[in-house]
Amino acid sequence: RFPPLTGVKAINGEQVSIPEYFMRHTNKNESAEACTLVTISFKDFGFKMLPSWIDPFKEAFFSNKTESNETNLLPPSPSNSRIQMYSLNIIEGGLIYKLLSPIITRQFKANTPEQDHDSTLMYFGEHVDFRDSLRMHNTLTGYVLLLDGLGRVRWMGSGNATDEEIKSLIECTKELTQTDTKRLKVVPRGKQAVRRNLKQNKTRS
């Protein structure tokens, strides 16, 4: 399960706790068919890697049309999508960055579309247990996690995305939102990514 983290703030000003915040729009009766893509970065170098994951994911699930011209999923909201996206920006570095947090948050807000303000999250401070539980030991890279509707980590990757990894991420997302989670396949392990065996994850939960 995604580890808890408090003291997180959306750039719209809302104070939140995760992973509960990720699941606030999930209907309990449909939690087995929902998922959330969470991107995590610690530094600008890792942040710049994330579009290699986000852009093809948005193209697959948030565009108006699919390749077959069928209507695809609309942008995430409580009523029209089982797929959500969140960006978690963790700023480490001690007291100085906490003092600068209002300025840094304003910069993020100015460079982020308004419709994404509630899904763009900031955390100022170090949290070793949180990083260790997700095996995020390299703070120079960017991370991508796919959670199911119960907040369990079903897929994880890092670094710049490869075509193979994007294909795996999209296939896993489709299975989470369209089929019984008991039939989920094992996600292949990538050279840059920490891959979680889906069946093992379910057993550990």
Protein backbone atom coordinates (compact mmCIF):
# COMPACT_ATOMS: atom_id res chain seq x y z
CA ARG A 1 0.00 0.00 0.00
CA PHE A 2 1.13 3.57 -0.68
CA PRO A 3 2.70 4.83 2.57
CA PRO A 4 0.95 7.64 4.45
CA LEU A 5 2.31 11.17 4.26
CA THR A 6 0.86 14.12 6.13
CA GLY A 7 1.71 17.81 5.86
CA VAL A 8 1.20 17.75 2.10
CA LYS A 9 -0.30 20.83 0.47
CA ALA A 10 -1.95 21.21 -2.92
CA ILE A 11 -0.94 24.37 -4.75
CA ASN A 12 -4.56 25.52 -4.51
CA GLY A 13 -3.89 25.93 -0.79
CA GLU A 14 -5.62 22.81 0.51
CA GLN A 15 -3.82 20.86 3.24
CA VAL A 16 -4.08 17.12 2.52
CA SER A 17 -2.97 13.69 3.65
CA ILE A 18 -2.08 10.97 1.19
CA PRO A 19 -3.01 8.39 0.02
CA GLU A 20 -6.50 9.31 1.31
CA TYR A 21 -6.53 12.41 -0.89
CA PHE A 22 -5.94 10.27 -3.98
CA MET A 23 -9.06 8.23 -3.25
CA ARG A 24 -11.45 11.03 -2.29
CA HIS A 25 -13.32 10.81 -5.61
CA THR A 26 -13.37 7.02 -5.78
CA ASN A 27 -16.74 5.39 -5.38
CA LYS A 28 -16.37 2.60 -2.81
CA ASN A 29 -18.47 0.31 -4.99
CA GLU A 30 -16.10 0.87 -7.92
CA SER A 31 -12.77 0.94 -6.07
CA ALA A 32 -11.68 -2.31 -7.71
CA GLU A 33 -11.99 -0.64 -11.13
CA ALA A 34 -10.23 2.66 -10.40
CA CYS A 35 -6.61 3.70 -10.48
CA THR A 36 -4.38 6.70 -9.87
CA LEU A 37 -1.11 7.61 -11.55
CA VAL A 38 1.19 9.38 -9.08
CA THR A 39 4.40 11.05 -10.24
CA ILE A 40 7.02 11.91 -7.64
CA SER A 41 10.12 14.07 -7.97
CA PHE A 42 12.62 15.51 -5.52
CA LYS A 43 14.73 17.72 -7.75
CA ASP A 44 14.38 19.53 -11.05
CA PHE A 45 16.48 16.88 -12.83
CA GLY A 46 13.96 14.17 -11.93
CA PHE A 47 10.99 16.46 -12.57
CA LYS A 48 12.10 16.91 -16.18
CA MET A 49 11.95 13.12 -16.71
CA LEU A 50 8.28 12.87 -15.83
CA PRO A 51 6.79 14.10 -19.16
CA SER A 52 8.22 10.98 -20.80
CA TRP A 53 5.64 9.08 -18.73
CA ILE A 54 2.87 11.64 -18.42
CA ASP A 55 2.51 12.63 -22.08
CA PRO A 56 1.90 9.13 -23.51
CA PHE A 57 -0.33 8.28 -20.52
CA LYS A 58 -2.48 11.34 -21.18
CA GLU A 59 -2.58 10.53 -24.87
CA ALA A 60 -3.80 7.02 -24.10
CA PHE A 61 -6.47 7.87 -21.53
CA PHE A 62 -7.29 11.58 -21.53
CA SER A 63 -7.55 12.49 -25.20
CA ASN A 64 -10.96 12.98 -26.83
CA LYS A 65 -10.55 10.14 -29.27
CA THR A 66 -8.73 6.83 -29.39
CA GLU A 67 -7.05 5.41 -32.46
CA SER A 68 -10.30 3.64 -33.32
CA ASN A 69 -12.18 6.99 -33.11
CA GLU A 70 -14.13 5.82 -30.10
CA THR A 71 -14.81 8.27 -27.28
CA ASN A 72 -12.08 8.00 -24.65
CA LEU A 73 -12.03 8.95 -20.99
CA LEU A 74 -12.59 12.59 -20.10
CA PRO A 75 -10.25 14.44 -17.72
CA PRO A 76 -10.52 13.11 -14.16
CA SER A 77 -13.37 14.30 -11.98
CA PRO A 78 -15.65 12.72 -9.36
CA SER A 79 -18.26 11.83 -11.97
CA ASN A 80 -16.67 10.98 -15.29
CA SER A 81 -13.46 9.00 -14.86
CA ARG A 82 -11.97 6.13 -12.93
CA ILE A 83 -8.45 7.26 -13.82
CA GLN A 84 -6.77 10.12 -11.96
CA MET A 85 -3.35 11.75 -12.06
CA TYR A 86 -1.43 13.49 -9.27
CA SER A 87 2.00 15.09 -9.10
CA LEU A 88 3.85 15.02 -5.77
CA ASN A 89 6.84 17.37 -5.51
CA ILE A 90 9.03 16.69 -2.50
CA ILE A 91 11.41 19.50 -1.60
CA GLU A 92 14.13 18.40 0.81
CA GLY A 93 16.92 20.52 2.19
CA GLY A 94 16.10 21.59 5.73
CA LEU A 95 14.81 24.81 7.25
CA ILE A 96 15.83 27.11 4.42
CA TYR A 97 13.49 25.41 1.95
CA LYS A 98 10.64 25.43 4.45
CA LEU A 99 11.11 29.17 4.81
CA LEU A 100 11.09 29.51 1.02
CA SER A 101 8.08 27.20 0.60
CA PRO A 102 5.57 30.03 -0.13
CA ILE A 103 7.78 31.35 -2.94
CA ILE A 104 8.42 27.89 -4.41
CA THR A 105 4.71 27.04 -4.25
CA ARG A 106 3.79 30.28 -6.02
CA GLN A 107 6.26 29.43 -8.80
CA PHE A 108 4.70 26.00 -9.25
CA LYS A 109 1.24 27.54 -9.25
CA ALA A 110 2.19 30.11 -11.89
CA ASN A 111 3.59 27.39 -14.17
CA THR A 112 0.72 24.90 -13.70
CA PRO A 113 -2.65 25.04 -15.52
CA GLU A 114 -5.44 26.02 -13.14
CA GLN A 115 -7.31 22.75 -13.68
CA ASP A 116 -4.30 20.91 -12.23
CA HIS A 117 -3.91 22.99 -9.07
CA ASP A 118 -5.77 20.50 -6.87
CA SER A 119 -3.73 17.56 -8.23
CA THR A 120 -0.31 19.21 -7.90
CA LEU A 121 1.02 18.56 -4.42
CA MET A 122 3.97 19.94 -2.45
CA TYR A 123 5.81 18.49 0.54
CA PHE A 124 8.65 20.37 2.23
CA GLY A 125 11.00 18.36 4.41
CA GLU A 126 12.76 15.02 4.55
CA HIS A 127 10.89 11.78 5.19
CA VAL A 128 13.31 8.86 5.04
CA ASP A 129 10.73 6.22 5.99
CA PHE A 130 8.46 7.34 3.16
CA ARG A 131 11.28 7.10 0.60
CA ASP A 132 12.52 3.78 1.94
CA SER A 133 9.10 2.15 1.87
CA LEU A 134 8.85 2.91 -1.85
CA ARG A 135 12.54 2.21 -2.53
CA MET A 136 13.07 5.75 -3.76
CA HIS A 137 16.73 5.96 -2.75
CA ASN A 138 17.85 8.03 -5.74
CA THR A 139 16.47 11.54 -5.34
CA LEU A 140 17.91 12.68 -8.67
CA THR A 141 15.41 10.68 -10.70
CA GLY A 142 11.66 10.86 -11.18
CA TYR A 143 9.23 8.14 -10.10
CA VAL A 144 5.89 6.95 -11.42
CA LEU A 145 3.47 4.79 -9.43
CA LEU A 146 0.14 3.31 -10.42
CA LEU A 147 -2.25 2.77 -7.52
CA ASP A 148 -5.48 0.81 -7.53
CA GLY A 149 -8.68 2.13 -5.99
CA LEU A 150 -7.62 0.86 -2.56
CA GLY A 151 -4.32 2.73 -2.61
CA ARG A 152 -2.15 -0.31 -3.31
CA VAL A 153 0.91 0.11 -5.54
CA ARG A 154 0.36 -2.03 -8.64
CA TRP A 155 3.12 -0.72 -10.89
CA MET A 156 6.20 1.44 -10.43
CA GLY A 157 8.84 2.93 -12.71
CA SER A 158 11.60 5.52 -12.64
CA GLY A 159 13.88 7.55 -14.86
CA ASN A 160 13.08 8.29 -18.48
CA ALA A 161 10.37 6.01 -19.84
CA THR A 162 11.09 3.47 -22.56
CA ASP A 163 8.53 2.35 -25.14
CA GLU A 164 8.33 -1.04 -23.43
CA GLU A 165 7.65 0.53 -20.05
CA ILE A 166 4.95 2.82 -21.43
CA LYS A 167 3.25 -0.17 -23.05
CA SER A 168 3.38 -2.06 -19.76
CA LEU A 169 2.00 0.91 -17.81
CA ILE A 170 -0.90 1.40 -20.23
CA GLU A 171 -1.75 -2.31 -20.25
CA CYS A 172 -1.76 -2.42 -16.45
CA THR A 173 -3.99 0.67 -16.28
CA LYS A 174 -6.48 -0.89 -18.69
CA GLU A 175 -6.60 -4.09 -16.66
CA LEU A 176 -7.11 -2.22 -13.40
CA THR A 177 -10.03 -0.23 -14.79
CA GLN A 178 -11.68 -2.88 -16.95
CA THR A 179 -11.20 -6.28 -15.32
CA ASP A 180 -11.25 -8.05 -12.00
CA THR A 181 -7.99 -7.37 -10.16
CA LYS A 182 -7.63 -11.10 -9.50
CA ARG A 183 -6.78 -11.56 -13.18
CA LEU A 184 -4.04 -8.93 -13.31
CA LYS A 185 -0.83 -10.05 -15.01
CA VAL A 186 2.70 -9.69 -13.73
CA VAL A 187 4.34 -6.46 -14.86
CA PRO A 188 7.73 -7.00 -16.61
CA ARG A 189 10.74 -5.61 -14.80
CA GLY A 190 12.52 -2.69 -16.47
CA LYS A 191 16.20 -1.79 -16.16
CA GLN A 192 15.51 1.58 -14.51
CA ALA A 193 12.37 0.72 -12.61
CA VAL A 194 11.39 -1.01 -9.43
CA ARG A 195 8.75 -3.40 -10.63
CA ARG A 196 6.17 -4.84 -8.30
CA ASN A 197 4.75 -8.27 -9.02
CA LEU A 198 1.02 -7.59 -8.99
CA LYS A 199 0.10 -10.89 -7.46
CA GLN A 200 2.74 -10.54 -4.74
CA ASN A 201 1.49 -7.02 -3.99
CA LYS A 202 -2.02 -8.30 -3.47
CA THR A 203 -0.76 -11.02 -1.13
CA ARG A 204 1.22 -8.53 0.95
CA SER A 205 -1.68 -6.05 1.27
